[in-house]
Amino acid sequence: MKRLGIIFCGLLMLGSLALGAQKKTSATAFYGKISDDMCGLKHSMGGSDKDCTESCVKNGSKYVLADEKNKMVYQLSDQDKPKAFAGADVKVTGTLKGDTITVTSIAAAKPSM
């Protein structure tokens, strides 16, 4: 009987872990600007944010989402989709794990205030 109780508790724990994993995989919307990992929240080169981002990426940086409102910089799993939005305000849909967003989609968004 004791063994059956242990097995039952183990199954309950596995079930709750599976439910927790499902919640983490649902897509979420993140807002900010497409930037590069060298500049992050603040572009230091002259010119527009777009020009700076494109120049930094051309020189080896990676695209990131810079959330100025929350002072966060997120790595982006997809480095192709952000190209069209360099320096622009966007809505990134995806799942967050650590500081990386696994990108589902990127769309233009209104500038954040």
C-alpha atoms as a PDB file:
ATOM      1  CA  MET A   1       0.000   0.000   0.000  1.00  0.00           C
ATOM      2  CA  LYS A   2       2.874   2.328   0.874  1.00  0.00           C
ATOM      3  CA  ARG A   3       4.505   1.573  -2.488  1.00  0.00           C
ATOM      4  CA  LEU A   4       1.251   2.427  -4.301  1.00  0.00           C
ATOM      5  CA  GLY A   5       1.113   5.780  -2.472  1.00  0.00           C
ATOM      6  CA  ILE A   6       4.685   6.610  -3.545  1.00  0.00           C
ATOM      7  CA  ILE A   7       3.915   5.724  -7.163  1.00  0.00           C
ATOM      8  CA  PHE A   8       0.741   7.848  -7.060  1.00  0.00           C
ATOM      9  CA  CYS A   9       2.662  10.854  -5.662  1.00  0.00           C
ATOM     10  CA  GLY A  10       5.315  10.424  -8.338  1.00  0.00           C
ATOM     11  CA  LEU A  11       2.693  10.433 -11.075  1.00  0.00           C
ATOM     12  CA  LEU A  12       1.102  13.568  -9.628  1.00  0.00           C
ATOM     13  CA  MET A  13       4.472  15.329  -9.636  1.00  0.00           C
ATOM     14  CA  LEU A  14       5.113  14.344 -13.258  1.00  0.00           C
ATOM     15  CA  GLY A  15       1.648  15.555 -14.236  1.00  0.00           C
ATOM     16  CA  SER A  16       2.166  18.944 -12.603  1.00  0.00           C
ATOM     17  CA  LEU A  17       5.564  19.286 -14.257  1.00  0.00           C
ATOM     18  CA  ALA A  18       3.948  18.591 -17.630  1.00  0.00           C
ATOM     19  CA  LEU A  19       1.262  21.224 -16.972  1.00  0.00           C
ATOM     20  CA  GLY A  20       3.925  23.737 -15.974  1.00  0.00           C
ATOM     21  CA  ALA A  21       5.847  23.037 -19.158  1.00  0.00           C
ATOM     22  CA  GLN A  22       2.720  23.619 -21.230  1.00  0.00           C
ATOM     23  CA  LYS A  23       2.184  27.034 -19.649  1.00  0.00           C
ATOM     24  CA  LYS A  24       5.748  28.077 -20.466  1.00  0.00           C
ATOM     25  CA  THR A  25       5.346  27.185 -24.123  1.00  0.00           C
ATOM     26  CA  SER A  26       2.402  29.487 -24.815  1.00  0.00           C
ATOM     27  CA  ALA A  27       3.368  32.443 -26.972  1.00  0.00           C
ATOM     28  CA  THR A  28       3.579  35.893 -25.415  1.00  0.00           C
ATOM     29  CA  ALA A  29       3.787  39.355 -26.970  1.00  0.00           C
ATOM     30  CA  PHE A  30       6.884  41.472 -26.293  1.00  0.00           C
ATOM     31  CA  TYR A  31       7.157  45.122 -27.347  1.00  0.00           C
ATOM     32  CA  GLY A  32      10.229  47.227 -28.073  1.00  0.00           C
ATOM     33  CA  LYS A  33      12.646  48.165 -30.843  1.00  0.00           C
ATOM     34  CA  ILE A  34      14.766  45.905 -32.969  1.00  0.00           C
ATOM     35  CA  SER A  35      18.316  46.792 -31.992  1.00  0.00           C
ATOM     36  CA  ASP A  36      21.655  45.005 -31.911  1.00  0.00           C
ATOM     37  CA  ASP A  37      23.442  43.306 -29.022  1.00  0.00           C
ATOM     38  CA  MET A  38      26.308  45.800 -29.100  1.00  0.00           C
ATOM     39  CA  CYS A  39      24.144  48.900 -28.593  1.00  0.00           C
ATOM     40  CA  GLY A  40      21.175  47.325 -26.790  1.00  0.00           C
ATOM     41  CA  LEU A  41      18.942  50.065 -25.364  1.00  0.00           C
ATOM     42  CA  LYS A  42      21.066  53.022 -26.479  1.00  0.00           C
ATOM     43  CA  HIS A  43      22.581  53.600 -29.903  1.00  0.00           C
ATOM     44  CA  SER A  44      25.863  55.481 -29.693  1.00  0.00           C
ATOM     45  CA  MET A  45      26.690  55.934 -33.378  1.00  0.00           C
ATOM     46  CA  GLY A  46      25.435  58.953 -35.286  1.00  0.00           C
ATOM     47  CA  GLY A  47      22.491  58.569 -37.612  1.00  0.00           C
ATOM     48  CA  SER A  48      19.217  56.772 -37.149  1.00  0.00           C
ATOM     49  CA  ASP A  49      18.577  53.725 -34.969  1.00  0.00           C
ATOM     50  CA  LYS A  50      18.023  51.772 -38.190  1.00  0.00           C
ATOM     51  CA  ASP A  51      21.391  52.791 -39.663  1.00  0.00           C
ATOM     52  CA  CYS A  52      23.214  52.041 -36.413  1.00  0.00           C
ATOM     53  CA  THR A  53      21.547  48.630 -36.005  1.00  0.00           C
ATOM     54  CA  GLU A  54      22.249  47.618 -39.598  1.00  0.00           C
ATOM     55  CA  SER A  55      25.879  48.760 -39.330  1.00  0.00           C
ATOM     56  CA  CYS A  56      26.465  46.877 -36.066  1.00  0.00           C
ATOM     57  CA  VAL A  57      24.856  43.691 -37.419  1.00  0.00           C
ATOM     58  CA  LYS A  58      26.937  43.981 -40.567  1.00  0.00           C
ATOM     59  CA  ASN A  59      30.005  44.052 -38.292  1.00  0.00           C
ATOM     60  CA  GLY A  60      29.037  40.919 -36.359  1.00  0.00           C
ATOM     61  CA  SER A  61      26.399  41.946 -33.807  1.00  0.00           C
ATOM     62  CA  LYS A  62      23.128  40.058 -33.486  1.00  0.00           C
ATOM     63  CA  TYR A  63      19.596  41.440 -33.575  1.00  0.00           C
ATOM     64  CA  VAL A  64      17.889  41.881 -30.184  1.00  0.00           C
ATOM     65  CA  LEU A  65      14.629  43.285 -28.876  1.00  0.00           C
ATOM     66  CA  ALA A  66      15.281  46.409 -26.789  1.00  0.00           C
ATOM     67  CA  ASP A  67      12.398  47.009 -24.377  1.00  0.00           C
ATOM     68  CA  GLU A  68      13.099  50.599 -23.320  1.00  0.00           C
ATOM     69  CA  LYS A  69      10.044  50.797 -21.058  1.00  0.00           C
ATOM     70  CA  ASN A  70      11.211  47.894 -18.847  1.00  0.00           C
ATOM     71  CA  LYS A  71      14.963  48.443 -19.453  1.00  0.00           C
ATOM     72  CA  MET A  72      15.354  44.889 -20.831  1.00  0.00           C
ATOM     73  CA  VAL A  73      17.247  43.510 -23.823  1.00  0.00           C
ATOM     74  CA  TYR A  74      16.117  40.139 -25.168  1.00  0.00           C
ATOM     75  CA  GLN A  75      18.129  37.903 -27.476  1.00  0.00           C
ATOM     76  CA  LEU A  76      16.186  36.709 -30.526  1.00  0.00           C
ATOM     77  CA  SER A  77      16.345  33.107 -31.748  1.00  0.00           C
ATOM     78  CA  ASP A  78      15.549  34.124 -35.327  1.00  0.00           C
ATOM     79  CA  GLN A  79      18.055  36.463 -36.960  1.00  0.00           C
ATOM     80  CA  ASP A  80      16.248  36.679 -40.336  1.00  0.00           C
ATOM     81  CA  LYS A  81      12.836  38.093 -39.365  1.00  0.00           C
ATOM     82  CA  PRO A  82      14.248  41.171 -37.556  1.00  0.00           C
ATOM     83  CA  LYS A  83      16.163  42.392 -40.658  1.00  0.00           C
ATOM     84  CA  ALA A  84      13.102  44.122 -42.093  1.00  0.00           C
ATOM     85  CA  PHE A  85      12.459  45.915 -38.780  1.00  0.00           C
ATOM     86  CA  ALA A  86      15.943  47.213 -37.845  1.00  0.00           C
ATOM     87  CA  GLY A  87      15.528  50.258 -35.578  1.00  0.00           C
ATOM     88  CA  ALA A  88      11.724  50.036 -35.686  1.00  0.00           C
ATOM     89  CA  ASP A  89       9.107  49.585 -32.954  1.00  0.00           C
ATOM     90  CA  VAL A  90       7.776  46.037 -33.066  1.00  0.00           C
ATOM     91  CA  LYS A  91       5.647  43.408 -31.422  1.00  0.00           C
ATOM     92  CA  VAL A  92       7.550  40.126 -31.135  1.00  0.00           C
ATOM     93  CA  THR A  93       5.452  37.050 -30.438  1.00  0.00           C
ATOM     94  CA  GLY A  94       7.218  34.047 -28.999  1.00  0.00           C
ATOM     95  CA  THR A  95       8.256  32.190 -25.874  1.00  0.00           C
ATOM     96  CA  LEU A  96      10.815  33.442 -23.385  1.00  0.00           C
ATOM     97  CA  LYS A  97      13.437  31.182 -21.853  1.00  0.00           C
ATOM     98  CA  GLY A  98      16.123  32.961 -19.862  1.00  0.00           C
ATOM     99  CA  ASP A  99      16.845  36.122 -21.842  1.00  0.00           C
ATOM    100  CA  THR A 100      16.071  34.608 -25.263  1.00  0.00           C
ATOM    101  CA  ILE A 101      12.778  34.866 -27.127  1.00  0.00           C
ATOM    102  CA  THR A 102      12.059  31.962 -29.460  1.00  0.00           C
ATOM    103  CA  VAL A 103      10.441  34.047 -32.185  1.00  0.00           C
ATOM    104  CA  THR A 104       7.118  33.056 -33.705  1.00  0.00           C
ATOM    105  CA  SER A 105       6.445  36.353 -35.479  1.00  0.00           C
ATOM    106  CA  ILE A 106       7.472  40.001 -35.666  1.00  0.00           C
ATOM    107  CA  ALA A 107       5.141  42.820 -36.691  1.00  0.00           C
ATOM    108  CA  ALA A 108       5.342  46.598 -36.725  1.00  0.00           C
ATOM    109  CA  ALA A 109       3.935  48.306 -33.625  1.00  0.00           C
ATOM    110  CA  LYS A 110       3.163  51.852 -32.555  1.00  0.00           C
ATOM    111  CA  PRO A 111       6.045  53.586 -30.746  1.00  0.00           C
ATOM    112  CA  SER A 112       6.023  53.117 -26.979  1.00  0.00           C
ATOM    113  CA  MET A 113       5.602  56.186 -24.846  1.00  0.00           C
END
